[in-house]
């Protein structure tokens, strides 16, 4: 095996670890949110402010990361972003007041944004160096990390959340520091890809915004699954445990799809894989919502996750061909869909019904199937 092959394998392993860590941190934070609220005696409105601070920090971090994510800076951004995110998680566990939580959440979101951009930019570079799709598998690490951490949070429900946050933060910080010196492998030759400064700049900008809009449509569905899947199934008179399994089934479908996505993309191409998945997601969720039965609803959410699994990795790959700032633009736009989606579903449900409102992500998945071929044309790994 050549030195180049060893370097690429090491880079891929390191990036897998960073995506895994992102999933772990976000799942631990989300799963123990009620404990954070209780410890600081927050009202629902106050908790919303904390979440808003995290979202604002993330948008800022994505923008800063997009400007800083040059090849020579990737090792420092990855290591620094991972350490900062882990430290912010540990700090969040110690906060007992709204003011301290707002400051910690802002730092948490900013670190997440920087690490997100660094990891995805590194993934695009590594994939281009491999010359074959690996993005979906890397994103699968995020899903697996989130699933494992959610299970850990549930298993340690009796443990004080501050201890869990501290233990997770310390473990991930030490891991990032040990891995830090090896991330120099990501400084390999930069692939020759078109940039926004070259000919066709306006067309490239338009394509980047299209990619961002499609990312928002896809992540709106992810937000809907996270916040409304259990509510939807519970409304069909399912028990609490069965209702809670709906998001687990969605996440499992997402993980399975991402673990197999690279092989399918190699064989059939990204446009065909994502288009077929979007059709599956639209049909699965629509059937699950309209059938008005628990088994159909659970199957629908699982198919929705499976169908959408390849969308974001393919959109990030396409954006990466225009540089890290394009990745930042697509990520910011996508996260707006993730953040706004649950609220939009709730607003629609208040004037119609929840099943009717949940047809929106199904319709957006159908729109993805129509627009994806244009967005992903001439996209190479």
Protein backbone atom coordinates (compact mmCIF):
# COMPACT_ATOMS: atom_id res chain seq x y z
CA UNK A 1 0.00 0.00 0.00
CA UNK A 2 1.43 3.37 -1.02
CA UNK A 3 2.02 6.26 1.35
CA UNK A 4 -0.76 8.17 -0.44
CA UNK A 5 -3.23 5.33 0.16
CA UNK A 6 -2.32 5.24 3.85
CA UNK A 7 -2.78 9.01 4.11
CA UNK A 8 -6.20 8.85 2.47
CA UNK A 9 -7.35 6.03 4.73
CA UNK A 10 -6.15 7.95 7.77
CA UNK A 11 -7.95 11.09 6.59
CA UNK A 12 -11.16 9.15 6.08
CA UNK A 13 -10.91 7.54 9.52
CA UNK A 14 -10.30 10.92 11.15
CA UNK A 15 -13.24 12.52 9.37
CA UNK A 16 -15.46 9.59 10.35
CA UNK A 17 -14.51 10.30 13.96
CA UNK A 18 -15.36 13.99 13.68
CA UNK A 19 -18.80 13.24 12.17
CA UNK A 20 -19.40 10.62 14.85
CA UNK A 21 -18.50 13.15 17.54
CA UNK A 22 -20.87 15.74 16.10
CA UNK A 23 -23.71 13.23 16.27
CA UNK A 24 -22.86 12.27 19.84
CA UNK A 25 -22.74 15.85 21.11
CA UNK A 26 -25.99 16.92 19.44
CA UNK A 27 -27.89 13.83 20.62
CA UNK A 28 -26.69 14.15 24.23
CA UNK A 29 -27.68 17.83 24.26
CA UNK A 30 -31.07 17.22 22.69
CA UNK A 31 -31.98 14.12 24.72
CA UNK A 32 -31.32 15.80 28.08
CA UNK A 33 -32.95 19.11 27.22
CA UNK A 34 -35.76 18.63 29.78
CA UNK A 35 -33.14 18.21 32.52
CA UNK A 36 -31.41 21.43 31.44
CA UNK A 37 -34.74 23.23 31.57
CA UNK A 38 -35.56 21.85 35.02
CA UNK A 39 -32.13 22.61 36.50
CA UNK A 40 -32.28 26.27 35.48
CA UNK A 41 -36.03 26.60 36.22
CA UNK A 42 -36.72 27.78 32.67
CA UNK A 43 -40.14 28.44 31.25
CA UNK A 44 -40.90 27.24 27.74
CA UNK A 45 -40.29 30.77 26.47
CA UNK A 46 -36.91 30.95 28.23
CA UNK A 47 -35.88 27.58 26.81
CA UNK A 48 -36.83 28.85 23.36
CA UNK A 49 -34.42 31.76 23.86
CA UNK A 50 -31.63 29.32 24.70
CA UNK A 51 -32.35 27.32 21.54
CA UNK A 52 -32.46 30.54 19.53
CA UNK A 53 -29.05 31.52 20.93
CA UNK A 54 -27.64 28.16 19.84
CA UNK A 55 -29.15 28.62 16.38
CA UNK A 56 -27.73 32.13 16.00
CA UNK A 57 -24.34 30.89 17.13
CA UNK A 58 -24.51 28.08 14.59
CA UNK A 59 -25.29 30.45 11.72
CA UNK A 60 -22.36 32.66 12.76
CA UNK A 61 -20.07 29.65 13.07
CA UNK A 62 -21.05 28.36 9.64
CA UNK A 63 -20.28 31.73 8.08
CA UNK A 64 -16.93 32.06 9.88
CA UNK A 65 -16.04 28.47 9.06
CA UNK A 66 -16.84 29.04 5.40
CA UNK A 67 -14.38 31.93 5.28
CA UNK A 68 -11.62 30.13 7.19
CA UNK A 69 -11.84 26.61 5.77
CA UNK A 70 -8.82 26.78 3.49
CA UNK A 71 -6.87 23.53 3.05
CA UNK A 72 -3.97 24.57 5.25
CA UNK A 73 -6.36 25.59 8.04
CA UNK A 74 -8.50 22.46 8.12
CA UNK A 75 -6.48 20.59 10.78
CA UNK A 76 -6.65 23.54 13.17
CA UNK A 77 -10.37 24.12 12.48
CA UNK A 78 -11.21 20.46 13.04
CA UNK A 79 -9.24 20.12 16.26
CA UNK A 80 -10.18 23.56 17.58
CA UNK A 81 -13.84 23.18 16.63
CA UNK A 82 -14.09 19.75 18.28
CA UNK A 83 -12.42 20.93 21.50
CA UNK A 84 -14.57 24.08 21.62
CA UNK A 85 -17.79 22.14 21.01
CA UNK A 86 -16.93 19.55 23.68
CA UNK A 87 -16.00 22.28 26.17
CA UNK A 88 -19.23 24.16 25.44
CA UNK A 89 -21.26 21.00 26.08
CA UNK A 90 -19.52 20.50 29.43
CA UNK A 91 -20.13 24.17 30.26
CA UNK A 92 -23.83 23.89 29.40
CA UNK A 93 -24.16 21.19 32.03
CA UNK A 94 -22.90 23.56 34.72
CA UNK A 95 -25.19 26.50 33.89
CA UNK A 96 -27.94 27.23 36.38
CA UNK A 97 -29.23 30.59 35.11
CA UNK A 98 -30.78 31.84 31.90
CA UNK A 99 -27.96 34.33 31.30
CA UNK A 100 -25.22 31.71 31.60
CA UNK A 101 -27.16 29.27 29.43
CA UNK A 102 -27.60 31.89 26.71
CA UNK A 103 -23.85 32.59 26.62
CA UNK A 104 -22.93 28.89 26.64
CA UNK A 105 -25.54 28.05 23.99
CA UNK A 106 -24.21 30.81 21.74
CA UNK A 107 -20.68 29.38 22.05
CA UNK A 108 -22.00 25.84 21.56
CA UNK A 109 -23.76 26.80 18.32
CA UNK A 110 -20.75 28.72 16.99
CA UNK A 111 -18.38 25.80 17.65
CA UNK A 112 -20.85 23.40 16.02
CA UNK A 113 -21.01 25.60 12.92
CA UNK A 114 -17.22 25.82 12.56
CA UNK A 115 -16.76 22.07 13.05
CA UNK A 116 -19.62 21.29 10.66
CA UNK A 117 -18.04 23.31 7.86
CA UNK A 118 -14.54 21.98 8.54
CA UNK A 119 -15.74 18.37 8.55
CA UNK A 120 -17.80 18.73 5.37
CA UNK A 121 -15.04 20.64 3.55
CA UNK A 122 -12.54 17.98 4.56
CA UNK A 123 -15.00 15.31 3.43
CA UNK A 124 -15.32 16.88 -0.02
CA UNK A 125 -11.52 17.06 -0.38
CA UNK A 126 -11.07 13.49 0.81
CA UNK A 127 -13.81 12.22 -1.50
CA UNK A 128 -12.30 13.99 -4.50
CA UNK A 129 -8.90 12.51 -3.65
CA UNK A 130 -10.45 9.03 -3.46
CA UNK A 131 -12.19 9.57 -6.80
CA UNK A 132 -15.30 7.75 -5.63
CA UNK A 133 -18.27 8.54 -3.34
CA UNK A 134 -17.59 8.33 0.41
CA UNK A 135 -19.70 11.29 1.62
CA UNK A 136 -22.78 9.25 2.47
CA UNK A 137 -20.79 6.86 4.66
CA UNK A 138 -19.19 9.78 6.48
CA UNK A 139 -22.61 11.28 7.17
CA UNK A 140 -23.77 7.85 8.35
CA UNK A 141 -21.23 8.19 11.16
CA UNK A 142 -23.17 11.25 12.37
CA UNK A 143 -26.43 9.25 12.40
CA UNK A 144 -24.80 6.31 14.19
CA UNK A 145 -23.23 8.63 16.75
CA UNK A 146 -26.59 10.27 17.38
CA UNK A 147 -28.37 6.92 17.76
CA UNK A 148 -25.75 5.61 20.17
CA UNK A 149 -25.69 8.79 22.23
CA UNK A 150 -29.49 8.91 22.41
CA UNK A 151 -29.47 5.37 23.75
CA UNK A 152 -26.74 6.33 26.24
CA UNK A 153 -28.74 9.35 27.40
CA UNK A 154 -31.81 7.17 27.91
CA UNK A 155 -29.82 4.51 29.79
CA UNK A 156 -28.32 7.15 32.10
CA UNK A 157 -31.57 9.01 32.68
CA UNK A 158 -31.04 8.78 36.45
CA UNK A 159 -27.59 10.36 36.16
CA UNK A 160 -27.38 14.10 36.66
CA UNK A 161 -27.22 15.72 33.24
CA UNK A 162 -24.25 17.89 34.23
CA UNK A 163 -22.19 14.74 34.93
CA UNK A 164 -23.17 13.26 31.55
CA UNK A 165 -22.34 16.50 29.74
CA UNK A 166 -18.99 16.77 31.54
CA UNK A 167 -18.03 13.14 30.91
CA UNK A 168 -18.96 13.38 27.23
CA UNK A 169 -17.15 16.71 26.82
CA UNK A 170 -13.96 15.49 28.50
CA UNK A 171 -13.90 12.23 26.53
CA UNK A 172 -14.38 13.97 23.19
CA UNK A 173 -11.87 16.71 24.03
CA UNK A 174 -9.18 14.15 24.84
CA UNK A 175 -9.99 12.23 21.67
CA UNK A 176 -9.75 15.39 19.55
CA UNK A 177 -6.41 16.35 21.11
CA UNK A 178 -4.97 12.90 20.49
CA UNK A 179 -6.22 12.92 16.89
CA UNK A 180 -5.14 16.52 16.31
CA UNK A 181 -1.55 15.92 15.20
CA UNK A 182 -2.72 13.36 12.63
CA UNK A 183 -5.14 15.68 10.84
CA UNK A 184 -2.21 17.05 8.87
CA UNK A 185 -3.11 14.25 6.45
CA UNK A 186 -5.96 16.47 5.28
CA UNK A 187 -3.45 18.89 3.78
CA UNK A 188 -3.06 16.76 0.65
CA UNK A 189 -3.28 18.07 -2.89
CA UNK A 190 -6.35 20.16 -3.48
CA UNK A 191 -8.56 18.82 -6.28
CA UNK A 192 -9.12 21.03 -9.28
CA UNK A 193 -12.73 22.12 -9.01
CA UNK A 194 -14.56 25.15 -10.36
CA UNK A 195 -14.97 28.13 -8.07
CA UNK A 196 -17.29 31.05 -7.82
CA UNK A 197 -14.54 33.36 -9.02
CA UNK A 198 -14.24 31.65 -12.41
CA UNK A 199 -16.29 31.94 -15.59
CA UNK A 200 -19.97 31.32 -15.10
CA UNK A 201 -19.91 32.97 -11.69
CA UNK A 202 -23.57 34.05 -11.76
CA UNK A 203 -24.70 30.65 -12.93
CA UNK A 204 -22.62 29.03 -10.18
CA UNK A 205 -24.18 31.30 -7.55
CA UNK A 206 -27.64 30.40 -8.77
CA UNK A 207 -26.81 26.74 -8.54
CA UNK A 208 -25.47 27.13 -5.00
CA UNK A 209 -28.71 28.82 -3.91
CA UNK A 210 -30.69 26.00 -5.56
CA UNK A 211 -28.63 23.48 -3.61
CA UNK A 212 -29.34 25.45 -0.44
CA UNK A 213 -33.08 25.52 -1.10
CA UNK A 214 -33.10 21.76 -1.66
CA UNK A 215 -31.10 21.25 1.55
CA UNK A 216 -33.68 23.35 3.41
CA UNK A 217 -36.49 21.22 1.97
CA UNK A 218 -34.74 18.02 3.03
CA UNK A 219 -33.81 19.23 6.51
CA UNK A 220 -37.31 20.60 7.07
CA UNK A 221 -38.36 16.96 6.82
CA UNK A 222 -35.69 15.97 9.34
CA UNK A 223 -36.92 18.63 11.76
CA UNK A 224 -40.50 17.44 11.27
CA UNK A 225 -39.46 13.87 12.07
CA UNK A 226 -37.54 14.90 15.19
CA UNK A 227 -40.32 17.01 16.68
CA UNK A 228 -43.56 15.62 15.28
CA UNK A 229 -43.13 11.89 14.48
CA UNK A 230 -43.78 10.76 18.06
CA UNK A 231 -46.67 13.22 18.42
CA UNK A 232 -48.22 11.93 15.20
CA UNK A 233 -47.99 8.26 16.21
CA UNK A 234 -49.19 8.99 19.76
CA UNK A 235 -52.26 10.72 18.32
CA UNK A 236 -53.14 7.39 16.69
CA UNK A 237 -53.57 6.00 20.23
CA UNK A 238 -50.16 4.33 20.39
CA UNK A 239 -48.41 3.95 23.74
CA UNK A 240 -45.57 6.22 24.76
CA UNK A 241 -42.85 3.68 23.97
CA UNK A 242 -44.29 2.88 20.54
CA UNK A 243 -44.69 6.56 19.74
CA UNK A 244 -41.10 7.25 20.77
CA UNK A 245 -39.89 4.47 18.47
CA UNK A 246 -41.08 6.42 15.43
CA UNK A 247 -38.05 8.73 15.41
CA UNK A 248 -35.77 5.79 16.17
CA UNK A 249 -37.15 4.04 13.07
CA UNK A 250 -36.67 7.21 11.03
CA UNK A 251 -33.07 7.49 12.26
CA UNK A 252 -32.43 3.81 11.58
CA UNK A 253 -33.69 4.21 8.02
CA UNK A 254 -31.45 7.24 7.62
CA UNK A 255 -28.39 5.36 8.91
CA UNK A 256 -29.02 2.30 6.70
CA UNK A 257 -29.51 4.50 3.64
CA UNK A 258 -26.28 6.39 4.27
CA UNK A 259 -24.27 3.22 4.88
CA UNK A 260 -25.34 1.87 1.48
CA UNK A 261 -25.54 5.22 -0.33
CA UNK A 262 -21.97 5.39 -1.58
CA UNK A 263 -22.16 2.00 -3.29
CA UNK A 264 -25.46 2.93 -4.94
CA UNK A 265 -24.10 6.31 -6.03
CA UNK A 266 -21.04 4.65 -7.57
CA UNK A 267 -23.26 2.31 -9.57
CA UNK A 268 -26.18 4.53 -10.55
CA UNK A 269 -25.00 8.13 -10.04
CA UNK A 270 -26.06 10.70 -7.43
CA UNK A 271 -29.04 12.17 -9.37
CA UNK A 272 -30.70 8.77 -9.83
CA UNK A 273 -30.10 7.66 -6.25
CA UNK A 274 -31.35 10.89 -4.67
CA UNK A 275 -34.34 11.14 -7.03
CA UNK A 276 -35.41 7.56 -6.29
CA UNK A 277 -34.95 8.14 -2.59
CA UNK A 278 -37.02 11.32 -2.68
CA UNK A 279 -39.87 9.47 -4.40
CA UNK A 280 -39.65 6.74 -1.74
CA UNK A 281 -39.66 9.35 1.04
CA UNK A 282 -42.66 11.20 -0.41
CA UNK A 283 -44.69 8.04 -0.99
CA UNK A 284 -43.75 6.51 2.36
CA UNK A 285 -44.63 9.53 4.49
CA UNK A 286 -47.81 10.35 2.57
CA UNK A 287 -49.03 6.77 2.91
CA UNK A 288 -48.10 6.66 6.59
CA UNK A 289 -49.94 9.91 7.29
CA UNK A 290 -53.06 9.14 5.26
CA UNK A 291 -53.47 5.48 6.29
CA UNK A 292 -54.44 6.46 9.86
CA UNK A 293 -52.91 3.37 11.49
CA UNK A 294 -49.94 2.90 13.80
CA UNK A 295 -48.09 0.25 11.73
CA UNK A 296 -48.47 2.32 8.55
CA UNK A 297 -47.28 5.46 10.36
CA UNK A 298 -44.20 3.72 11.75
CA UNK A 299 -43.37 2.26 8.34
CA UNK A 300 -43.92 5.66 6.76
CA UNK A 301 -41.43 7.40 9.04
CA UNK A 302 -38.86 4.63 8.48
CA UNK A 303 -39.22 4.95 4.69
CA UNK A 304 -39.05 8.73 4.97
CA UNK A 305 -35.67 8.49 6.71
CA UNK A 306 -34.40 5.88 4.27
CA UNK A 307 -35.51 7.92 1.27
CA UNK A 308 -33.98 11.21 2.42
CA UNK A 309 -30.71 9.64 3.57
CA UNK A 310 -28.71 10.45 0.45
CA UNK A 311 -29.96 13.98 -0.14
CA UNK A 312 -27.78 16.11 2.13
CA UNK A 313 -24.51 14.20 1.44
CA UNK A 314 -25.06 14.64 -2.32
CA UNK A 315 -25.95 18.33 -1.96
CA UNK A 316 -22.85 18.96 0.16
CA UNK A 317 -20.73 17.18 -2.45
CA UNK A 318 -22.15 19.40 -5.18
CA UNK A 319 -21.63 22.53 -3.07
CA UNK A 320 -18.07 21.49 -2.26
CA UNK A 321 -17.18 21.75 -5.94
CA UNK A 322 -17.62 25.52 -5.51
CA UNK A 323 -15.47 25.81 -2.38
CA UNK A 324 -16.01 26.02 1.40
CA UNK A 325 -18.02 29.25 1.25
CA UNK A 326 -20.54 27.48 -0.98
CA UNK A 327 -20.68 24.66 1.57
CA UNK A 328 -21.37 27.29 4.23
CA UNK A 329 -24.16 28.85 2.14
CA UNK A 330 -25.84 25.50 1.56
CA UNK A 331 -25.43 24.53 5.22
CA UNK A 332 -26.87 27.79 6.55
CA UNK A 333 -29.85 27.61 4.20
CA UNK A 334 -30.38 23.97 5.06
CA UNK A 335 -30.29 24.60 8.80
CA UNK A 336 -32.88 27.34 8.38
CA UNK A 337 -35.21 24.64 7.07
CA UNK A 338 -34.30 22.39 9.99
CA UNK A 339 -34.99 25.14 12.53
CA UNK A 340 -38.10 26.58 10.91
CA UNK A 341 -39.67 23.28 9.87
CA UNK A 342 -41.14 22.14 13.20
CA UNK A 343 -42.65 25.58 13.87
CA UNK A 344 -44.15 25.70 10.38
CA UNK A 345 -45.65 22.23 10.81
CA UNK A 346 -47.13 23.32 14.13
CA UNK A 347 -48.63 26.47 12.61
CA UNK A 348 -50.21 24.50 9.77
CA UNK A 349 -51.53 21.90 12.21
CA UNK A 350 -53.19 24.63 14.27
CA UNK A 351 -55.31 25.74 11.31
CA UNK A 352 -55.84 22.29 9.74
CA UNK A 353 -54.84 18.96 11.32
CA UNK A 354 -51.46 17.42 12.11
CA UNK A 355 -51.75 14.72 9.40
CA UNK A 356 -52.56 17.42 6.85
CA UNK A 357 -49.61 19.53 8.00
CA UNK A 358 -47.29 16.52 7.73
CA UNK A 359 -48.08 16.27 4.05
CA UNK A 360 -45.85 19.33 3.58
CA UNK A 361 -42.55 17.43 4.01
CA UNK A 362 -43.94 14.71 1.75
CA UNK A 363 -44.69 17.32 -0.94
CA UNK A 364 -41.24 18.84 -0.51
CA UNK A 365 -39.70 15.39 -0.98
CA UNK A 366 -41.66 15.09 -4.24
CA UNK A 367 -40.30 18.48 -5.28
CA UNK A 368 -36.78 17.22 -4.54
CA UNK A 369 -37.34 14.35 -6.94
CA UNK A 370 -38.18 16.84 -9.70
CA UNK A 371 -35.39 19.37 -9.07
CA UNK A 372 -32.51 17.10 -8.03
CA UNK A 373 -31.39 16.14 -11.57
CA UNK A 374 -30.76 19.77 -12.45
CA UNK A 375 -29.04 20.56 -9.14
CA UNK A 376 -26.70 17.57 -9.28
CA UNK A 377 -25.86 17.58 -12.98
CA UNK A 378 -22.14 17.09 -13.69
CA UNK A 379 -21.46 16.40 -10.00
CA UNK A 380 -18.44 14.14 -9.66
CA UNK A 381 -17.10 12.53 -6.46
